[in-house]
Protein backbone atom coordinates (compact mmCIF):
# COMPACT_ATOMS: atom_id res chain seq x y z
CA PHE A 1 3.83 -14.97 -21.74
CA ILE A 2 1.85 -11.75 -21.84
CA SER A 3 -0.57 -11.60 -25.13
CA ILE A 4 -0.48 -8.11 -26.89
CA GLN A 5 -3.76 -7.74 -28.66
CA ALA A 6 -4.19 -5.19 -31.35
CA PHE A 7 -7.91 -5.28 -30.96
CA PRO A 8 -10.15 -4.41 -28.05
CA ALA A 9 -10.86 -7.18 -25.59
CA LEU A 10 -13.27 -7.35 -22.81
CA LEU A 11 -11.89 -7.04 -19.28
CA ASP A 12 -12.92 -9.69 -16.66
CA LEU A 13 -13.19 -7.55 -13.43
CA PRO A 14 -15.45 -8.66 -10.39
CA GLN A 15 -18.93 -7.37 -11.26
CA ASP A 16 -19.35 -5.30 -8.45
CA LEU A 17 -16.63 -2.98 -9.66
CA GLU A 18 -17.58 0.32 -11.19
CA VAL A 19 -14.39 1.88 -13.11
CA SER A 20 -14.27 5.61 -12.90
CA GLY A 21 -10.81 5.77 -14.82
CA VAL A 22 -8.49 3.95 -17.25
CA SER A 23 -5.17 4.52 -18.72
CA CYS A 24 -2.78 2.71 -21.25
CA GLY A 25 1.04 2.45 -21.08
CA SER A 26 2.95 1.06 -23.76
CA ARG A 27 2.30 -2.71 -22.67
CA HIS A 28 0.32 -2.16 -19.63
CA THR A 29 -3.05 -0.84 -18.48
CA ALA A 30 -4.45 0.47 -15.07
CA VAL A 31 -7.85 1.17 -13.86
CA VAL A 32 -9.28 3.07 -11.05
CA THR A 33 -12.70 2.14 -9.38
CA ARG A 34 -15.35 4.32 -7.98
CA GLY A 35 -14.37 2.75 -4.63
CA GLY A 36 -10.65 4.10 -4.92
CA GLU A 37 -9.04 0.75 -5.88
CA LEU A 38 -6.24 0.40 -8.52
CA TYR A 39 -6.29 -2.53 -10.74
CA THR A 40 -3.20 -3.30 -13.19
CA TRP A 41 -2.35 -5.82 -15.50
CA GLY A 42 0.11 -6.34 -18.42
CA TRP A 43 3.91 -6.27 -18.83
CA GLY A 44 5.36 -5.51 -15.52
CA LYS A 45 9.25 -5.64 -16.14
CA TYR A 46 10.13 -2.21 -14.79
CA GLY A 47 7.57 -2.66 -11.78
CA GLN A 48 5.05 -0.44 -13.36
CA LEU A 49 2.19 -2.64 -12.30
CA GLY A 50 2.74 -1.79 -8.49
CA HIS A 51 2.73 -5.06 -7.02
CA GLY A 52 6.13 -4.85 -5.45
CA ASP A 53 7.83 -7.03 -8.28
CA SER A 54 8.47 -7.24 -11.95
CA ALA A 55 6.21 -10.06 -12.77
CA SER A 56 3.60 -9.59 -15.77
CA SER A 57 0.19 -10.52 -15.73
CA ASP A 58 -2.70 -11.30 -18.28
CA GLN A 59 -5.31 -10.78 -15.51
CA ALA A 60 -6.06 -7.42 -13.64
CA ARG A 61 -4.92 -7.54 -10.19
CA ARG A 62 -5.59 -5.17 -7.44
CA VAL A 63 -2.74 -2.98 -6.10
CA GLU A 64 -2.74 -4.39 -2.33
CA HIS A 65 -0.08 -1.65 -1.40
CA LEU A 66 -2.51 1.27 -1.57
CA VAL A 67 -5.16 -0.59 0.52
CA SER A 68 -2.80 -1.73 3.26
CA GLU A 69 -1.66 1.83 3.45
CA GLY A 70 -4.96 3.38 3.82
CA LEU A 71 -4.92 5.19 0.11
CA ARG A 72 -7.60 5.28 -2.24
CA ALA A 73 -6.74 5.73 -5.85
CA GLN A 74 -8.39 8.82 -7.23
CA GLU A 75 -6.64 9.20 -10.74
CA VAL A 76 -4.17 6.91 -12.82
CA VAL A 77 -1.91 7.95 -15.87
CA CYS A 78 0.24 5.57 -17.37
CA GLY A 79 3.55 6.24 -19.55
CA PRO A 80 5.55 3.94 -21.57
CA TRP A 81 7.07 1.95 -18.50
CA THR A 82 5.68 3.94 -15.64
CA THR A 83 2.37 4.40 -13.56
CA TYR A 84 1.49 7.47 -11.86
CA VAL A 85 -1.42 7.58 -9.19
CA ARG A 86 -3.01 10.42 -7.29
CA VAL A 87 -4.13 9.16 -4.14
CA LEU A 88 -6.27 10.45 -1.22
CA GLU A 89 -5.20 9.42 2.20
CA LEU A 90 -7.94 7.80 4.49
CA GLY A 91 -8.30 9.41 7.96
């Protein structure tokens, strides 16, 4: 079950992360950190969270695929059931 909130809510991210960008889809949200990590949460039925499955999550989770591929997230844009990420390939 994923709660849908009509009002702003505090997000529980690790304290050492600085958010540089955020985007909201119909039922999911994504943030990019200054360190180039991507965190997503919300409804994941169509794989829009980027975790390799269709699971939903109330908690922000780091997209590990970008880390394992040596990619640094630069910008994120969410659509209704999609997430687009501009990345920088690390040397």
